[in-house]
C-alpha atoms as a PDB file:
ATOM      1  CA  MET A   1       0.000   0.000   0.000  1.00  0.00           C
ATOM      2  CA  LYS A   2       1.383   3.394  -1.022  1.00  0.00           C
ATOM      3  CA  LYS A   3       2.169   5.628   1.948  1.00  0.00           C
ATOM      4  CA  GLU A   4       0.349   8.965   1.973  1.00  0.00           C
ATOM      5  CA  LYS A   5       2.673  11.908   1.363  1.00  0.00           C
ATOM      6  CA  LYS A   6       2.472  14.350   4.269  1.00  0.00           C
ATOM      7  CA  ASP A   7       2.653  18.111   3.842  1.00  0.00           C
ATOM      8  CA  LYS A   8       5.697  20.063   4.952  1.00  0.00           C
ATOM      9  CA  ILE A   9       4.338  22.732   7.271  1.00  0.00           C
ATOM     10  CA  LEU A  10       5.911  26.034   8.291  1.00  0.00           C
ATOM     11  CA  VAL A  11       4.856  27.071  11.800  1.00  0.00           C
ATOM     12  CA  THR A  12       5.740  30.622  12.811  1.00  0.00           C
ATOM     13  CA  GLY A  13       5.925  31.357  16.529  1.00  0.00           C
ATOM     14  CA  CYS A  14       6.879  27.706  17.118  1.00  0.00           C
ATOM     15  CA  ALA A  15       8.407  28.424  20.546  1.00  0.00           C
ATOM     16  CA  GLY A  16       5.187  30.059  21.704  1.00  0.00           C
ATOM     17  CA  PHE A  17       2.521  28.395  23.822  1.00  0.00           C
ATOM     18  CA  ILE A  18       0.183  27.367  20.996  1.00  0.00           C
ATOM     19  CA  GLY A  19       3.054  26.890  18.526  1.00  0.00           C
ATOM     20  CA  MET A  20       4.821  24.304  20.691  1.00  0.00           C
ATOM     21  CA  HIS A  21       1.681  22.224  21.232  1.00  0.00           C
ATOM     22  CA  LEU A  22       0.766  22.404  17.547  1.00  0.00           C
ATOM     23  CA  CYS A  23       4.231  21.229  16.474  1.00  0.00           C
ATOM     24  CA  GLU A  24       4.028  18.272  18.875  1.00  0.00           C
ATOM     25  CA  LYS A  25       0.686  17.256  17.382  1.00  0.00           C
ATOM     26  CA  LEU A  26       1.995  17.608  13.831  1.00  0.00           C
ATOM     27  CA  PHE A  27       4.963  15.339  14.666  1.00  0.00           C
ATOM     28  CA  GLU A  28       2.515  12.791  16.062  1.00  0.00           C
ATOM     29  CA  LEU A  29       0.595  12.904  12.775  1.00  0.00           C
ATOM     30  CA  GLY A  30       3.738  12.366  10.715  1.00  0.00           C
ATOM     31  CA  TYR A  31       4.289  15.857   9.300  1.00  0.00           C
ATOM     32  CA  CYS A  32       7.639  17.541   8.739  1.00  0.00           C
ATOM     33  CA  VAL A  33       7.728  20.922  10.466  1.00  0.00           C
ATOM     34  CA  ILE A  34       9.849  23.983   9.811  1.00  0.00           C
ATOM     35  CA  GLY A  35       9.571  26.217  12.855  1.00  0.00           C
ATOM     36  CA  ILE A  36      10.560  29.851  13.080  1.00  0.00           C
ATOM     37  CA  ASP A  37      10.572  32.143  16.096  1.00  0.00           C
ATOM     38  CA  ASN A  38      12.422  35.312  17.045  1.00  0.00           C
ATOM     39  CA  LEU A  39      12.554  34.306  20.753  1.00  0.00           C
ATOM     40  CA  ASN A  40      11.759  37.856  21.840  1.00  0.00           C
ATOM     41  CA  ASP A  41      11.693  38.905  25.477  1.00  0.00           C
ATOM     42  CA  TYR A  42       8.014  39.939  25.797  1.00  0.00           C
ATOM     43  CA  TYR A  43       8.002  37.287  28.531  1.00  0.00           C
ATOM     44  CA  ASP A  44      10.713  35.013  29.980  1.00  0.00           C
ATOM     45  CA  VAL A  45      12.824  33.728  27.087  1.00  0.00           C
ATOM     46  CA  ASN A  46      13.794  30.691  29.184  1.00  0.00           C
ATOM     47  CA  LEU A  47      10.225  29.421  28.928  1.00  0.00           C
ATOM     48  CA  LYS A  48      10.399  29.694  25.127  1.00  0.00           C
ATOM     49  CA  LYS A  49      13.782  27.953  25.074  1.00  0.00           C
ATOM     50  CA  LYS A  50      12.463  25.087  27.198  1.00  0.00           C
ATOM     51  CA  ARG A  51       9.519  24.636  24.837  1.00  0.00           C
ATOM     52  CA  LEU A  52      11.900  24.737  21.881  1.00  0.00           C
ATOM     53  CA  SER A  53      14.251  22.170  23.436  1.00  0.00           C
ATOM     54  CA  ILE A  54      11.365  19.671  23.523  1.00  0.00           C
ATOM     55  CA  LEU A  55      10.663  20.237  19.813  1.00  0.00           C
ATOM     56  CA  GLN A  56      14.320  19.987  18.825  1.00  0.00           C
ATOM     57  CA  ASN A  57      14.416  16.359  19.979  1.00  0.00           C
ATOM     58  CA  LYS A  58      12.379  15.453  16.888  1.00  0.00           C
ATOM     59  CA  SER A  59      14.131  14.531  13.632  1.00  0.00           C
ATOM     60  CA  SER A  60      11.170  15.864  11.630  1.00  0.00           C
ATOM     61  CA  PHE A  61      11.700  19.393  13.036  1.00  0.00           C
ATOM     62  CA  THR A  62      13.876  22.159  11.624  1.00  0.00           C
ATOM     63  CA  PHE A  63      14.236  25.387  13.611  1.00  0.00           C
ATOM     64  CA  ILE A  64      15.268  28.753  12.206  1.00  0.00           C
ATOM     65  CA  LYS A  65      15.610  31.759  14.464  1.00  0.00           C
ATOM     66  CA  THR A  66      14.245  34.737  12.560  1.00  0.00           C
ATOM     67  CA  ASP A  67      11.574  37.411  12.667  1.00  0.00           C
ATOM     68  CA  ILE A  68       8.647  37.440  10.243  1.00  0.00           C
ATOM     69  CA  SER A  69       9.045  41.219   9.946  1.00  0.00           C
ATOM     70  CA  ASN A  70      12.406  40.594   8.212  1.00  0.00           C
ATOM     71  CA  MET A  71      11.344  39.933   4.618  1.00  0.00           C
ATOM     72  CA  ASN A  72      14.785  38.864   3.357  1.00  0.00           C
ATOM     73  CA  ASP A  73      15.197  36.229   6.057  1.00  0.00           C
ATOM     74  CA  LEU A  74      11.632  35.012   5.635  1.00  0.00           C
ATOM     75  CA  GLU A  75      12.033  34.674   1.863  1.00  0.00           C
ATOM     76  CA  ASN A  76      15.163  32.616   2.407  1.00  0.00           C
ATOM     77  CA  VAL A  77      13.188  30.210   4.613  1.00  0.00           C
ATOM     78  CA  PHE A  78      10.559  29.738   1.886  1.00  0.00           C
ATOM     79  CA  LYS A  79      13.205  29.338  -0.840  1.00  0.00           C
ATOM     80  CA  MET A  80      15.208  26.786   1.135  1.00  0.00           C
ATOM     81  CA  HIS A  81      12.387  24.693   2.615  1.00  0.00           C
ATOM     82  CA  ASN A  82       9.423  25.027   0.204  1.00  0.00           C
ATOM     83  CA  PRO A  83       6.592  24.533   2.726  1.00  0.00           C
ATOM     84  CA  ASN A  84       3.280  23.251   1.343  1.00  0.00           C
ATOM     85  CA  LYS A  85       1.246  24.896   4.115  1.00  0.00           C
ATOM     86  CA  VAL A  86       1.852  27.733   6.579  1.00  0.00           C
ATOM     87  CA  VAL A  87       0.453  28.261  10.070  1.00  0.00           C
ATOM     88  CA  ASN A  88       1.125  31.823  11.244  1.00  0.00           C
ATOM     89  CA  LEU A  89       1.085  32.018  15.035  1.00  0.00           C
ATOM     90  CA  ALA A  90       3.888  34.590  15.324  1.00  0.00           C
ATOM     91  CA  ALA A  91       2.520  37.846  16.673  1.00  0.00           C
ATOM     92  CA  GLN A  92       2.966  40.398  19.387  1.00  0.00           C
ATOM     93  CA  ALA A  93       0.382  39.172  21.870  1.00  0.00           C
ATOM     94  CA  GLY A  94      -1.418  40.814  24.772  1.00  0.00           C
ATOM     95  CA  VAL A  95      -4.088  43.475  24.992  1.00  0.00           C
ATOM     96  CA  ARG A  96      -2.562  45.423  27.888  1.00  0.00           C
ATOM     97  CA  TYR A  97       0.947  45.578  26.420  1.00  0.00           C
ATOM     98  CA  SER A  98      -0.519  47.222  23.302  1.00  0.00           C
ATOM     99  CA  LEU A  99      -1.215  50.303  25.443  1.00  0.00           C
ATOM    100  CA  ILE A 100       2.494  50.555  26.279  1.00  0.00           C
ATOM    101  CA  ASN A 101       4.228  49.552  23.057  1.00  0.00           C
ATOM    102  CA  PRO A 102       1.817  49.847  20.110  1.00  0.00           C
ATOM    103  CA  HIS A 103       4.615  49.995  17.521  1.00  0.00           C
ATOM    104  CA  SER A 104       5.622  46.389  18.235  1.00  0.00           C
ATOM    105  CA  TYR A 105       2.124  45.308  17.130  1.00  0.00           C
ATOM    106  CA  MET A 106       2.460  47.130  13.826  1.00  0.00           C
ATOM    107  CA  GLU A 107       5.869  45.570  13.152  1.00  0.00           C
ATOM    108  CA  SER A 108       4.959  41.971  13.967  1.00  0.00           C
ATOM    109  CA  ASN A 109       1.218  41.735  13.409  1.00  0.00           C
ATOM    110  CA  ILE A 110       0.890  43.990  10.354  1.00  0.00           C
ATOM    111  CA  LEU A 111       4.258  44.092   8.547  1.00  0.00           C
ATOM    112  CA  GLY A 112       5.076  40.524   9.583  1.00  0.00           C
ATOM    113  CA  PHE A 113       1.737  39.204   8.375  1.00  0.00           C
ATOM    114  CA  MET A 114       2.100  41.096   5.084  1.00  0.00           C
ATOM    115  CA  ASN A 115       5.456  39.351   4.597  1.00  0.00           C
ATOM    116  CA  ILE A 116       3.825  35.969   5.266  1.00  0.00           C
ATOM    117  CA  LEU A 117       1.130  36.704   2.667  1.00  0.00           C
ATOM    118  CA  GLU A 118       3.699  37.826   0.105  1.00  0.00           C
ATOM    119  CA  CYS A 119       5.746  34.666   0.611  1.00  0.00           C
ATOM    120  CA  CYS A 120       2.622  32.516   0.324  1.00  0.00           C
ATOM    121  CA  ARG A 121       1.865  34.343  -2.931  1.00  0.00           C
ATOM    122  CA  HIS A 122       5.293  33.958  -4.510  1.00  0.00           C
ATOM    123  CA  TYR A 123       6.292  30.483  -3.307  1.00  0.00           C
ATOM    124  CA  ASP A 124       3.230  28.421  -4.275  1.00  0.00           C
ATOM    125  CA  VAL A 125       1.934  27.739  -0.771  1.00  0.00           C
ATOM    126  CA  GLU A 126      -1.215  25.608  -0.919  1.00  0.00           C
ATOM    127  CA  GLY A 127      -2.873  27.076   2.160  1.00  0.00           C
ATOM    128  CA  LEU A 128      -2.443  29.446   5.088  1.00  0.00           C
ATOM    129  CA  VAL A 129      -3.915  29.124   8.583  1.00  0.00           C
ATOM    130  CA  TYR A 130      -3.440  32.190  10.782  1.00  0.00           C
ATOM    131  CA  ALA A 131      -4.201  33.236  14.341  1.00  0.00           C
ATOM    132  CA  SER A 132      -6.835  35.876  14.853  1.00  0.00           C
ATOM    133  CA  SER A 133      -8.403  36.580  18.242  1.00  0.00           C
ATOM    134  CA  SER A 134     -11.663  36.883  20.150  1.00  0.00           C
ATOM    135  CA  SER A 135     -10.473  40.460  20.805  1.00  0.00           C
ATOM    136  CA  VAL A 136     -11.799  41.480  17.374  1.00  0.00           C
ATOM    137  CA  TYR A 137     -15.332  41.414  18.836  1.00  0.00           C
ATOM    138  CA  GLY A 138     -14.469  44.421  21.004  1.00  0.00           C
ATOM    139  CA  GLY A 139     -17.302  45.502  23.241  1.00  0.00           C
ATOM    140  CA  ASN A 140     -20.004  43.652  21.279  1.00  0.00           C
ATOM    141  CA  LYS A 141     -23.063  43.076  23.471  1.00  0.00           C
ATOM    142  CA  LYS A 142     -24.664  40.254  21.459  1.00  0.00           C
ATOM    143  CA  ILE A 143     -23.745  36.956  23.088  1.00  0.00           C
ATOM    144  CA  PRO A 144     -22.410  34.482  22.042  1.00  0.00           C
ATOM    145  CA  PHE A 145     -20.038  36.064  19.518  1.00  0.00           C
ATOM    146  CA  SER A 146     -20.652  34.836  15.972  1.00  0.00           C
ATOM    147  CA  GLU A 147     -18.377  35.103  12.923  1.00  0.00           C
ATOM    148  CA  LEU A 148     -21.302  36.880  11.231  1.00  0.00           C
ATOM    149  CA  ASP A 149     -21.261  39.720  13.797  1.00  0.00           C
ATOM    150  CA  ASN A 150     -19.898  43.152  12.923  1.00  0.00           C
ATOM    151  CA  VAL A 151     -16.332  43.555  14.233  1.00  0.00           C
ATOM    152  CA  ASP A 152     -15.559  47.110  13.185  1.00  0.00           C
ATOM    153  CA  SER A 153     -15.128  48.547  16.695  1.00  0.00           C
ATOM    154  CA  PRO A 154     -11.944  47.114  18.240  1.00  0.00           C
ATOM    155  CA  VAL A 155     -11.130  48.472  21.710  1.00  0.00           C
ATOM    156  CA  SER A 156      -7.359  47.864  21.601  1.00  0.00           C
ATOM    157  CA  ILE A 157      -4.513  48.150  19.094  1.00  0.00           C
ATOM    158  CA  TYR A 158      -3.973  44.411  19.461  1.00  0.00           C
ATOM    159  CA  ALA A 159      -7.579  43.762  18.405  1.00  0.00           C
ATOM    160  CA  ALA A 160      -7.258  46.232  15.520  1.00  0.00           C
ATOM    161  CA  SER A 161      -4.125  44.432  14.282  1.00  0.00           C
ATOM    162  CA  LYS A 162      -5.926  41.069  14.306  1.00  0.00           C
ATOM    163  CA  LYS A 163      -8.917  42.500  12.441  1.00  0.00           C
ATOM    164  CA  ALA A 164      -6.446  43.952   9.928  1.00  0.00           C
ATOM    165  CA  ASN A 165      -4.982  40.458   9.414  1.00  0.00           C
ATOM    166  CA  GLU A 166      -8.416  39.141   8.491  1.00  0.00           C
ATOM    167  CA  LEU A 167      -8.889  41.951   5.970  1.00  0.00           C
ATOM    168  CA  MET A 168      -5.413  41.433   4.500  1.00  0.00           C
ATOM    169  CA  ALA A 169      -6.027  37.691   4.080  1.00  0.00           C
ATOM    170  CA  HIS A 170      -9.356  38.478   2.399  1.00  0.00           C
ATOM    171  CA  SER A 171      -7.596  40.798  -0.064  1.00  0.00           C
ATOM    172  CA  TYR A 172      -4.879  38.278  -0.909  1.00  0.00           C
ATOM    173  CA  ASN A 173      -7.513  35.618  -1.492  1.00  0.00           C
ATOM    174  CA  HIS A 174      -9.415  37.933  -3.821  1.00  0.00           C
ATOM    175  CA  LEU A 175      -6.346  39.198  -5.690  1.00  0.00           C
ATOM    176  CA  PHE A 176      -4.069  36.175  -5.807  1.00  0.00           C
ATOM    177  CA  GLY A 177      -6.158  33.184  -4.758  1.00  0.00           C
ATOM    178  CA  ILE A 178      -4.283  32.612  -1.500  1.00  0.00           C
ATOM    179  CA  ARG A 179      -6.340  30.055   0.439  1.00  0.00           C
ATOM    180  CA  SER A 180      -6.607  31.108   4.068  1.00  0.00           C
ATOM    181  CA  THR A 181      -8.361  30.199   7.300  1.00  0.00           C
ATOM    182  CA  GLY A 182      -8.416  32.688  10.189  1.00  0.00           C
ATOM    183  CA  LEU A 183      -8.973  31.322  13.687  1.00  0.00           C
ATOM    184  CA  ARG A 184     -10.353  33.536  16.438  1.00  0.00           C
ATOM    185  CA  PHE A 185      -8.898  32.003  19.597  1.00  0.00           C
ATOM    186  CA  PHE A 186     -10.789  32.444  22.866  1.00  0.00           C
ATOM    187  CA  THR A 187      -8.632  32.675  26.052  1.00  0.00           C
ATOM    188  CA  VAL A 188      -6.356  29.688  25.506  1.00  0.00           C
ATOM    189  CA  TYR A 189      -4.812  28.056  28.590  1.00  0.00           C
ATOM    190  CA  GLY A 190      -3.013  24.879  29.605  1.00  0.00           C
ATOM    191  CA  PRO A 191       0.460  23.455  30.323  1.00  0.00           C
ATOM    192  CA  TRP A 192       3.333  25.599  29.019  1.00  0.00           C
ATOM    193  CA  GLY A 193       0.988  28.626  28.931  1.00  0.00           C
ATOM    194  CA  ARG A 194       2.017  32.262  28.772  1.00  0.00           C
ATOM    195  CA  PRO A 195       3.005  34.010  32.035  1.00  0.00           C
ATOM    196  CA  ASP A 196       0.984  37.115  31.126  1.00  0.00           C
ATOM    197  CA  MET A 197      -2.313  35.201  31.050  1.00  0.00           C
ATOM    198  CA  ALA A 198      -4.760  35.224  33.970  1.00  0.00           C
ATOM    199  CA  MET A 199      -4.617  31.487  34.702  1.00  0.00           C
ATOM    200  CA  TYR A 200      -0.808  31.554  35.024  1.00  0.00           C
ATOM    201  CA  ILE A 201      -0.760  34.778  37.061  1.00  0.00           C
ATOM    202  CA  PHE A 202      -3.425  33.538  39.482  1.00  0.00           C
ATOM    203  CA  ALA A 203      -1.739  30.160  40.066  1.00  0.00           C
ATOM    204  CA  ASN A 204       1.685  31.726  40.535  1.00  0.00           C
ATOM    205  CA  LYS A 205       0.543  34.371  43.009  1.00  0.00           C
ATOM    206  CA  ILE A 206      -1.740  32.089  45.022  1.00  0.00           C
ATOM    207  CA  LEU A 207       1.109  29.590  45.451  1.00  0.00           C
ATOM    208  CA  LYS A 208       3.374  32.423  46.618  1.00  0.00           C
ATOM    209  CA  ASN A 209       0.713  33.875  48.963  1.00  0.00           C
ATOM    210  CA  GLU A 210       0.755  37.091  46.952  1.00  0.00           C
ATOM    211  CA  PRO A 211      -2.438  39.074  46.172  1.00  0.00           C
ATOM    212  CA  ILE A 212      -4.051  38.688  42.749  1.00  0.00           C
ATOM    213  CA  GLU A 213      -5.627  41.596  40.892  1.00  0.00           C
ATOM    214  CA  VAL A 214      -9.113  40.992  39.484  1.00  0.00           C
ATOM    215  CA  PHE A 215     -10.405  43.717  37.195  1.00  0.00           C
ATOM    216  CA  ASN A 216     -13.879  45.207  36.744  1.00  0.00           C
ATOM    217  CA  ASN A 217     -14.388  44.372  40.427  1.00  0.00           C
ATOM    218  CA  GLY A 218     -14.662  40.697  39.526  1.00  0.00           C
ATOM    219  CA  GLN A 219     -17.465  41.166  36.997  1.00  0.00           C
ATOM    220  CA  MET A 220     -15.636  39.424  34.172  1.00  0.00           C
ATOM    221  CA  LYS A 221     -16.556  36.390  32.081  1.00  0.00           C
ATOM    222  CA  ARG A 222     -14.282  34.509  29.713  1.00  0.00           C
ATOM    223  CA  ASP A 223     -14.635  31.581  27.339  1.00  0.00           C
ATOM    224  CA  PHE A 224     -11.601  29.584  28.521  1.00  0.00           C
ATOM    225  CA  THR A 225     -10.388  27.104  25.892  1.00  0.00           C
ATOM    226  CA  PHE A 226      -7.967  24.283  26.663  1.00  0.00           C
ATOM    227  CA  ILE A 227      -4.880  24.056  24.458  1.00  0.00           C
ATOM    228  CA  ASP A 228      -5.596  20.525  23.160  1.00  0.00           C
ATOM    229  CA  ASP A 229      -8.961  21.648  21.784  1.00  0.00           C
ATOM    230  CA  ILE A 230      -7.362  24.649  20.075  1.00  0.00           C
ATOM    231  CA  VAL A 231      -4.729  22.409  18.463  1.00  0.00           C
ATOM    232  CA  ASP A 232      -7.437  20.051  17.167  1.00  0.00           C
ATOM    233  CA  GLY A 233      -9.118  23.045  15.504  1.00  0.00           C
ATOM    234  CA  ILE A 234      -5.863  24.182  13.902  1.00  0.00           C
ATOM    235  CA  VAL A 235      -5.038  20.711  12.577  1.00  0.00           C
ATOM    236  CA  SER A 236      -8.510  20.379  11.068  1.00  0.00           C
ATOM    237  CA  SER A 237      -8.080  23.801   9.420  1.00  0.00           C
ATOM    238  CA  ILE A 238      -4.775  22.669   7.897  1.00  0.00           C
ATOM    239  CA  LYS A 239      -6.352  19.514   6.495  1.00  0.00           C
ATOM    240  CA  LYS A 240      -9.581  21.121   5.232  1.00  0.00           C
ATOM    241  CA  ASN A 241      -7.671  24.012   3.617  1.00  0.00           C
ATOM    242  CA  TYR A 242     -10.759  26.082   2.868  1.00  0.00           C
ATOM    243  CA  ASN A 243     -10.611  28.832   0.278  1.00  0.00           C
ATOM    244  CA  LYS A 244     -11.467  31.698   2.643  1.00  0.00           C
ATOM    245  CA  GLU A 245     -12.938  31.146   6.103  1.00  0.00           C
ATOM    246  CA  ILE A 246     -12.900  32.582   9.614  1.00  0.00           C
ATOM    247  CA  PHE A 247     -13.807  30.418  12.609  1.00  0.00           C
ATOM    248  CA  ASN A 248     -14.256  30.899  16.337  1.00  0.00           C
ATOM    249  CA  LEU A 249     -12.309  28.376  18.391  1.00  0.00           C
ATOM    250  CA  GLY A 250     -13.679  28.516  21.920  1.00  0.00           C
ATOM    251  CA  ASN A 251     -15.127  26.229  24.564  1.00  0.00           C
ATOM    252  CA  ASN A 252     -18.660  27.561  23.915  1.00  0.00           C
ATOM    253  CA  LYS A 253     -19.129  28.437  27.581  1.00  0.00           C
ATOM    254  CA  SER A 254     -18.532  31.750  29.354  1.00  0.00           C
ATOM    255  CA  GLU A 255     -17.089  31.320  32.859  1.00  0.00           C
ATOM    256  CA  ASP A 256     -17.246  33.836  35.703  1.00  0.00           C
ATOM    257  CA  LEU A 257     -13.680  34.848  36.508  1.00  0.00           C
ATOM    258  CA  MET A 258     -14.298  34.475  40.252  1.00  0.00           C
ATOM    259  CA  ASP A 259     -15.429  30.876  39.634  1.00  0.00           C
ATOM    260  CA  ILE A 260     -12.088  30.280  37.908  1.00  0.00           C
ATOM    261  CA  VAL A 261     -10.297  31.691  40.953  1.00  0.00           C
ATOM    262  CA  SER A 262     -12.281  29.293  43.179  1.00  0.00           C
ATOM    263  CA  MET A 263     -11.341  26.307  40.998  1.00  0.00           C
ATOM    264  CA  ILE A 264      -7.651  27.261  41.167  1.00  0.00           C
ATOM    265  CA  GLU A 265      -7.909  27.707  44.957  1.00  0.00           C
ATOM    266  CA  LYS A 266      -9.505  24.275  45.294  1.00  0.00           C
ATOM    267  CA  LYS A 267      -6.848  22.557  43.180  1.00  0.00           C
ATOM    268  CA  ILE A 268      -3.934  24.300  44.929  1.00  0.00           C
ATOM    269  CA  GLY A 269      -5.480  24.057  48.401  1.00  0.00           C
ATOM    270  CA  LYS A 270      -4.953  27.746  49.224  1.00  0.00           C
ATOM    271  CA  LYS A 271      -7.222  30.769  49.374  1.00  0.00           C
ATOM    272  CA  ALA A 272      -6.433  33.727  47.114  1.00  0.00           C
ATOM    273  CA  LYS A 273      -5.883  37.218  48.432  1.00  0.00           C
ATOM    274  CA  VAL A 274      -7.999  39.211  45.973  1.00  0.00           C
ATOM    275  CA  LEU A 275      -7.549  42.880  45.122  1.00  0.00           C
ATOM    276  CA  PHE A 276     -10.534  44.111  43.126  1.00  0.00           C
ATOM    277  CA  LYS A 277      -9.656  46.727  40.514  1.00  0.00           C
ATOM    278  CA  PRO A 278     -11.655  48.797  37.993  1.00  0.00           C
ATOM    279  CA  MET A 279     -11.846  47.766  34.333  1.00  0.00           C
ATOM    280  CA  GLN A 280      -8.591  48.265  32.437  1.00  0.00           C
ATOM    281  CA  LEU A 281      -8.349  50.219  29.205  1.00  0.00           C
ATOM    282  CA  GLY A 282      -8.626  47.960  26.151  1.00  0.00           C
ATOM    283  CA  ASP A 283     -10.259  45.119  28.087  1.00  0.00           C
ATOM    284  CA  VAL A 284     -13.762  43.694  27.617  1.00  0.00           C
ATOM    285  CA  GLU A 285     -16.241  42.425  30.185  1.00  0.00           C
ATOM    286  CA  LYS A 286     -17.287  39.188  28.517  1.00  0.00           C
ATOM    287  CA  THR A 287     -16.288  36.720  25.798  1.00  0.00           C
ATOM    288  CA  TYR A 288     -18.315  33.749  24.617  1.00  0.00           C
ATOM    289  CA  ALA A 289     -17.780  31.834  21.358  1.00  0.00           C
ATOM    290  CA  ASP A 290     -20.504  30.622  19.030  1.00  0.00           C
ATOM    291  CA  ILE A 291     -18.749  27.560  17.552  1.00  0.00           C
ATOM    292  CA  GLU A 292     -21.495  26.208  15.293  1.00  0.00           C
ATOM    293  CA  SER A 293     -19.614  27.046  12.098  1.00  0.00           C
ATOM    294  CA  ALA A 294     -16.426  25.387  13.370  1.00  0.00           C
ATOM    295  CA  LYS A 295     -18.426  22.329  14.399  1.00  0.00           C
ATOM    296  CA  GLN A 296     -20.026  22.006  10.978  1.00  0.00           C
ATOM    297  CA  LYS A 297     -17.040  22.822   8.759  1.00  0.00           C
ATOM    298  CA  LEU A 298     -14.073  21.690  10.857  1.00  0.00           C
ATOM    299  CA  GLY A 299     -15.645  18.948  12.941  1.00  0.00           C
ATOM    300  CA  TYR A 300     -14.466  20.991  15.921  1.00  0.00           C
ATOM    301  CA  SER A 301     -15.712  19.716  19.262  1.00  0.00           C
ATOM    302  CA  PRO A 302     -14.010  20.917  22.458  1.00  0.00           C
ATOM    303  CA  LYS A 303     -13.612  18.025  24.888  1.00  0.00           C
ATOM    304  CA  THR A 304     -11.974  19.569  27.970  1.00  0.00           C
ATOM    305  CA  ASP A 305     -14.188  21.246  30.555  1.00  0.00           C
ATOM    306  CA  VAL A 306     -12.621  24.059  32.530  1.00  0.00           C
ATOM    307  CA  GLN A 307     -12.170  22.149  35.825  1.00  0.00           C
ATOM    308  CA  GLU A 308     -10.324  19.319  34.065  1.00  0.00           C
ATOM    309  CA  GLY A 309      -8.248  21.866  32.150  1.00  0.00           C
ATOM    310  CA  ILE A 310      -7.342  23.798  35.298  1.00  0.00           C
ATOM    311  CA  ASP A 311      -6.308  20.565  37.027  1.00  0.00           C
ATOM    312  CA  LYS A 312      -3.986  19.704  34.123  1.00  0.00           C
ATOM    313  CA  PHE A 313      -2.548  23.208  34.047  1.00  0.00           C
ATOM    314  CA  ILE A 314      -1.902  23.354  37.812  1.00  0.00           C
ATOM    315  CA  ASP A 315      -0.323  19.873  37.796  1.00  0.00           C
ATOM    316  CA  TRP A 316       2.120  21.054  35.131  1.00  0.00           C
ATOM    317  CA  PHE A 317       2.725  24.386  36.857  1.00  0.00           C
ATOM    318  CA  VAL A 318       3.514  22.832  40.228  1.00  0.00           C
ATOM    319  CA  GLU A 319       5.797  20.184  38.713  1.00  0.00           C
ATOM    320  CA  SER A 320       7.636  22.547  36.345  1.00  0.00           C
ATOM    321  CA  SER A 321      10.691  24.546  37.277  1.00  0.00           C
ATOM    322  CA  ILE A 322       9.248  27.661  35.643  1.00  0.00           C
ATOM    323  CA  LYS A 323       7.954  30.085  38.259  1.00  0.00           C
END
């Protein structure tokens, strides 16, 4: 029986939280992966290096340290490795940091994404999957958030940059036939997660008996999505390779933030010292994903409820040397 030829996939941001987990899944499925990352210091570089060291144990993985905003370097990667598909996860992340350093979002999320599109155009890439964000929904009041909703009122530069990515991908599909799937991720968490995310911050501070800050006086709701479910959605998007789609990838349930704190307390066995704060600029009160389209077109079906996901995250956090 003839063995199926697997695609060679370029994953940008491979040393990131989602990038690492995606690469591991792709290895499991038999793909060859070219990973690129600039290993910037937005958060502890040691965490990125530890993720990367796990990936570099695989013979089917090639790592290149470069920045997607550097067009010459990026072109050289495409010329040398000829990827069939591209998954763009490289981006300057974080809503709050976009208030402090907005230029970094333009360089990575706008210029970098333009470079990705140009390389896809000129090097015969069969399909692009790229990270968007639930942040594009801004302060929308209609719940749950649907891909059909208007998203023309972003409340942060980060959100605006992700909306711009969707528009850029649309243009390149129209002009040059670049097949693309945009994925609006909803509050992703799990082992090897980012230190700037609420789940990580809460666990770290509760373990250290330090106070945690909870914004909007605790009146916050988030659709927390476990990393394994997100990866399943990305892999399906790679395989389906739709012409031009945007999907929500969430857990399809909006959790009260104070309930999340209680679950973390229960797992750790310590009470949190909570400092209630007003709403922060650029933040939103509630997120909640309508995932019907992803279910129908991607076969997406999140399997990890938030208590199980928190237990897995805390187990990793306590056992890891990263604090």
